[in-house]
Amino acid sequence: MYSHRMRERLLKLRQELEALAAAGAQSAAVVELDQSKVGRLSRMDALQAQAMAQASVQRREAMLRNIDAALQRIDDGDYGLCCDCGDPIDPRRLDFDPTVPRCIDCASKSER
C-alpha cells in the first residue's frame, strides 16, 4: 500500500535527521569570545560556522515538523490529499518530497 510505503520512508527520514542532530549538536554551541585563547580571524570563522550550524538545526527542526505532520495525515487518512483544496496530490510530487501538504496548484498560489 502506498501510505504504508510512505510511512516507512518518513520514519527512516526522521531517524536520519535525528542522528544528524545528535552528531551536530556541538557545532551550534556558543562560541567563546576570549581573545587570549582564539585569534580574531579564528573567532570570526567560529562564529560563521556556528551561524551555519544553527541554520542547519533550524532546517532539520522544520523538516522534522513536516515529517510529523505527514505521519499525522497518514494516521488521519488524509495523506496524499491537498490540505487546501482536498484534491489528490500527484504521486510524483509525493515521491519527490513525501512531506508536501499541498497540490502543485495550491502550493503555487500560497507562494505568491
C-alpha atoms as a PDB file:
ATOM      1  CA  MET A   1       0.000   0.000   0.000  1.00  0.00           C
ATOM      2  CA  TYR A   2       1.216   3.499  -0.895  1.00  0.00           C
ATOM      3  CA  SER A   3       0.605   5.024   2.562  1.00  0.00           C
ATOM      4  CA  HIS A   4       2.488   2.196   4.247  1.00  0.00           C
ATOM      5  CA  ARG A   5       5.495   2.679   1.954  1.00  0.00           C
ATOM      6  CA  MET A   6       5.446   6.426   2.584  1.00  0.00           C
ATOM      7  CA  ARG A   7       5.167   5.908   6.346  1.00  0.00           C
ATOM      8  CA  GLU A   8       8.294   3.737   6.255  1.00  0.00           C
ATOM      9  CA  ARG A   9      10.103   6.334   4.168  1.00  0.00           C
ATOM     10  CA  LEU A  10       9.079   9.164   6.511  1.00  0.00           C
ATOM     11  CA  LEU A  11      10.133   7.200   9.603  1.00  0.00           C
ATOM     12  CA  LYS A  12      13.515   6.431   8.041  1.00  0.00           C
ATOM     13  CA  LEU A  13      13.980  10.097   7.121  1.00  0.00           C
ATOM     14  CA  ARG A  14      13.094  11.164  10.668  1.00  0.00           C
ATOM     15  CA  GLN A  15      15.601   8.679  12.088  1.00  0.00           C
ATOM     16  CA  GLU A  16      18.345  10.024   9.783  1.00  0.00           C
ATOM     17  CA  LEU A  17      17.599  13.625  10.752  1.00  0.00           C
ATOM     18  CA  GLU A  18      17.622  12.788  14.451  1.00  0.00           C
ATOM     19  CA  ALA A  19      21.001  11.060  14.042  1.00  0.00           C
ATOM     20  CA  LEU A  20      22.352  14.152  12.253  1.00  0.00           C
ATOM     21  CA  ALA A  21      21.012  16.367  15.022  1.00  0.00           C
ATOM     22  CA  ALA A  22      22.768  14.292  17.669  1.00  0.00           C
ATOM     23  CA  ALA A  23      26.041  14.362  15.733  1.00  0.00           C
ATOM     24  CA  GLY A  24      25.939  18.095  15.013  1.00  0.00           C
ATOM     25  CA  ALA A  25      24.779  19.402  18.383  1.00  0.00           C
ATOM     26  CA  GLN A  26      28.242  20.595  19.378  1.00  0.00           C
ATOM     27  CA  SER A  27      28.675  22.684  16.207  1.00  0.00           C
ATOM     28  CA  ALA A  28      25.849  25.013  17.198  1.00  0.00           C
ATOM     29  CA  ALA A  29      27.230  25.591  20.698  1.00  0.00           C
ATOM     30  CA  VAL A  30      28.038  29.133  21.845  1.00  0.00           C
ATOM     31  CA  VAL A  31      31.388  30.402  20.603  1.00  0.00           C
ATOM     32  CA  GLU A  32      33.762  31.550  23.329  1.00  0.00           C
ATOM     33  CA  LEU A  33      34.850  35.151  22.760  1.00  0.00           C
ATOM     34  CA  ASP A  34      38.037  35.159  24.854  1.00  0.00           C
ATOM     35  CA  GLN A  35      40.634  36.865  22.615  1.00  0.00           C
ATOM     36  CA  SER A  36      43.521  35.481  24.652  1.00  0.00           C
ATOM     37  CA  LYS A  37      42.547  31.946  23.590  1.00  0.00           C
ATOM     38  CA  VAL A  38      41.431  32.489  19.989  1.00  0.00           C
ATOM     39  CA  GLY A  39      42.625  34.989  17.394  1.00  0.00           C
ATOM     40  CA  ARG A  40      40.211  37.436  15.780  1.00  0.00           C
ATOM     41  CA  LEU A  41      40.002  35.646  12.418  1.00  0.00           C
ATOM     42  CA  SER A  42      39.638  32.245  14.059  1.00  0.00           C
ATOM     43  CA  ARG A  43      36.870  33.645  16.227  1.00  0.00           C
ATOM     44  CA  MET A  44      35.113  35.084  13.158  1.00  0.00           C
ATOM     45  CA  ASP A  45      35.392  31.718  11.418  1.00  0.00           C
ATOM     46  CA  ALA A  46      33.984  30.033  14.510  1.00  0.00           C
ATOM     47  CA  LEU A  47      31.065  32.495  14.628  1.00  0.00           C
ATOM     48  CA  GLN A  48      30.315  31.882  10.955  1.00  0.00           C
ATOM     49  CA  ALA A  49      30.463  28.110  11.457  1.00  0.00           C
ATOM     50  CA  GLN A  50      28.168  28.474  14.471  1.00  0.00           C
ATOM     51  CA  ALA A  51      25.637  30.503  12.440  1.00  0.00           C
ATOM     52  CA  MET A  52      25.654  27.889   9.667  1.00  0.00           C
ATOM     53  CA  ALA A  53      25.226  25.094  12.210  1.00  0.00           C
ATOM     54  CA  GLN A  54      22.310  26.920  13.831  1.00  0.00           C
ATOM     55  CA  ALA A  55      20.664  27.390  10.418  1.00  0.00           C
ATOM     56  CA  SER A  56      21.085  23.650   9.786  1.00  0.00           C
ATOM     57  CA  VAL A  57      19.453  22.907  13.131  1.00  0.00           C
ATOM     58  CA  GLN A  58      16.504  25.135  12.230  1.00  0.00           C
ATOM     59  CA  ARG A  59      16.109  23.425   8.832  1.00  0.00           C
ATOM     60  CA  ARG A  60      16.250  19.988  10.471  1.00  0.00           C
ATOM     61  CA  GLU A  61      13.649  21.007  13.064  1.00  0.00           C
ATOM     62  CA  ALA A  62      11.341  22.323  10.331  1.00  0.00           C
ATOM     63  CA  MET A  63      11.771  19.107   8.353  1.00  0.00           C
ATOM     64  CA  LEU A  64      11.013  17.024  11.470  1.00  0.00           C
ATOM     65  CA  ARG A  65       7.810  19.042  11.983  1.00  0.00           C
ATOM     66  CA  ASN A  66       6.879  18.416   8.327  1.00  0.00           C
ATOM     67  CA  ILE A  67       7.547  14.693   8.750  1.00  0.00           C
ATOM     68  CA  ASP A  68       5.400  14.531  11.886  1.00  0.00           C
ATOM     69  CA  ALA A  69       2.599  16.397  10.100  1.00  0.00           C
ATOM     70  CA  ALA A  70       2.773  13.967   7.149  1.00  0.00           C
ATOM     71  CA  LEU A  71       2.688  10.989   9.525  1.00  0.00           C
ATOM     72  CA  GLN A  72      -0.363  12.518  11.214  1.00  0.00           C
ATOM     73  CA  ARG A  73      -2.068  12.900   7.818  1.00  0.00           C
ATOM     74  CA  ILE A  74      -1.384   9.211   7.158  1.00  0.00           C
ATOM     75  CA  ASP A  75      -2.941   8.317  10.540  1.00  0.00           C
ATOM     76  CA  ASP A  76      -5.935  10.538   9.803  1.00  0.00           C
ATOM     77  CA  GLY A  77      -6.405   9.045   6.327  1.00  0.00           C
ATOM     78  CA  ASP A  78      -5.747  12.414   4.657  1.00  0.00           C
ATOM     79  CA  TYR A  79      -2.293  11.662   3.269  1.00  0.00           C
ATOM     80  CA  GLY A  80      -1.998  12.426  -0.424  1.00  0.00           C
ATOM     81  CA  LEU A  81      -4.849  14.928  -0.342  1.00  0.00           C
ATOM     82  CA  CYS A  82      -4.184  18.657  -0.598  1.00  0.00           C
ATOM     83  CA  CYS A  83      -4.744  20.376   2.750  1.00  0.00           C
ATOM     84  CA  ASP A  84      -6.186  23.428   0.945  1.00  0.00           C
ATOM     85  CA  CYS A  85      -8.456  22.122  -1.822  1.00  0.00           C
ATOM     86  CA  GLY A  86      -8.766  18.416  -0.907  1.00  0.00           C
ATOM     87  CA  ASP A  87      -7.752  17.222  -4.377  1.00  0.00           C
ATOM     88  CA  PRO A  88      -5.258  14.363  -4.686  1.00  0.00           C
ATOM     89  CA  ILE A  89      -1.584  15.350  -4.740  1.00  0.00           C
ATOM     90  CA  ASP A  90       0.282  13.968  -7.741  1.00  0.00           C
ATOM     91  CA  PRO A  91       2.116  10.809  -6.558  1.00  0.00           C
ATOM     92  CA  ARG A  92       5.250  12.005  -8.380  1.00  0.00           C
ATOM     93  CA  ARG A  93       5.216  15.097  -6.147  1.00  0.00           C
ATOM     94  CA  LEU A  94       4.916  12.915  -3.057  1.00  0.00           C
ATOM     95  CA  ASP A  95       7.682  10.626  -4.308  1.00  0.00           C
ATOM     96  CA  PHE A  96       9.941  13.665  -4.627  1.00  0.00           C
ATOM     97  CA  ASP A  97       9.010  15.029  -1.170  1.00  0.00           C
ATOM     98  CA  PRO A  98       6.738  12.838   0.959  1.00  0.00           C
ATOM     99  CA  THR A  99       6.045  15.716   3.364  1.00  0.00           C
ATOM    100  CA  VAL A 100       4.281  18.069   0.925  1.00  0.00           C
ATOM    101  CA  PRO A 101       0.804  19.019   2.169  1.00  0.00           C
ATOM    102  CA  ARG A 102      -0.442  20.792  -0.984  1.00  0.00           C
ATOM    103  CA  CYS A 103      -1.048  20.015  -4.635  1.00  0.00           C
ATOM    104  CA  ILE A 104       1.089  21.928  -7.103  1.00  0.00           C
ATOM    105  CA  ASP A 105      -1.684  24.461  -7.871  1.00  0.00           C
ATOM    106  CA  CYS A 106      -2.303  25.360  -4.215  1.00  0.00           C
ATOM    107  CA  ALA A 107       1.437  25.405  -3.447  1.00  0.00           C
ATOM    108  CA  SER A 108       1.944  27.840  -6.320  1.00  0.00           C
ATOM    109  CA  LYS A 109      -0.874  30.056  -5.037  1.00  0.00           C
ATOM    110  CA  SER A 110       0.489  30.075  -1.469  1.00  0.00           C
ATOM    111  CA  GLU A 111       3.971  31.099  -2.672  1.00  0.00           C
ATOM    112  CA  ARG A 112       2.674  34.221  -4.403  1.00  0.00           C
END
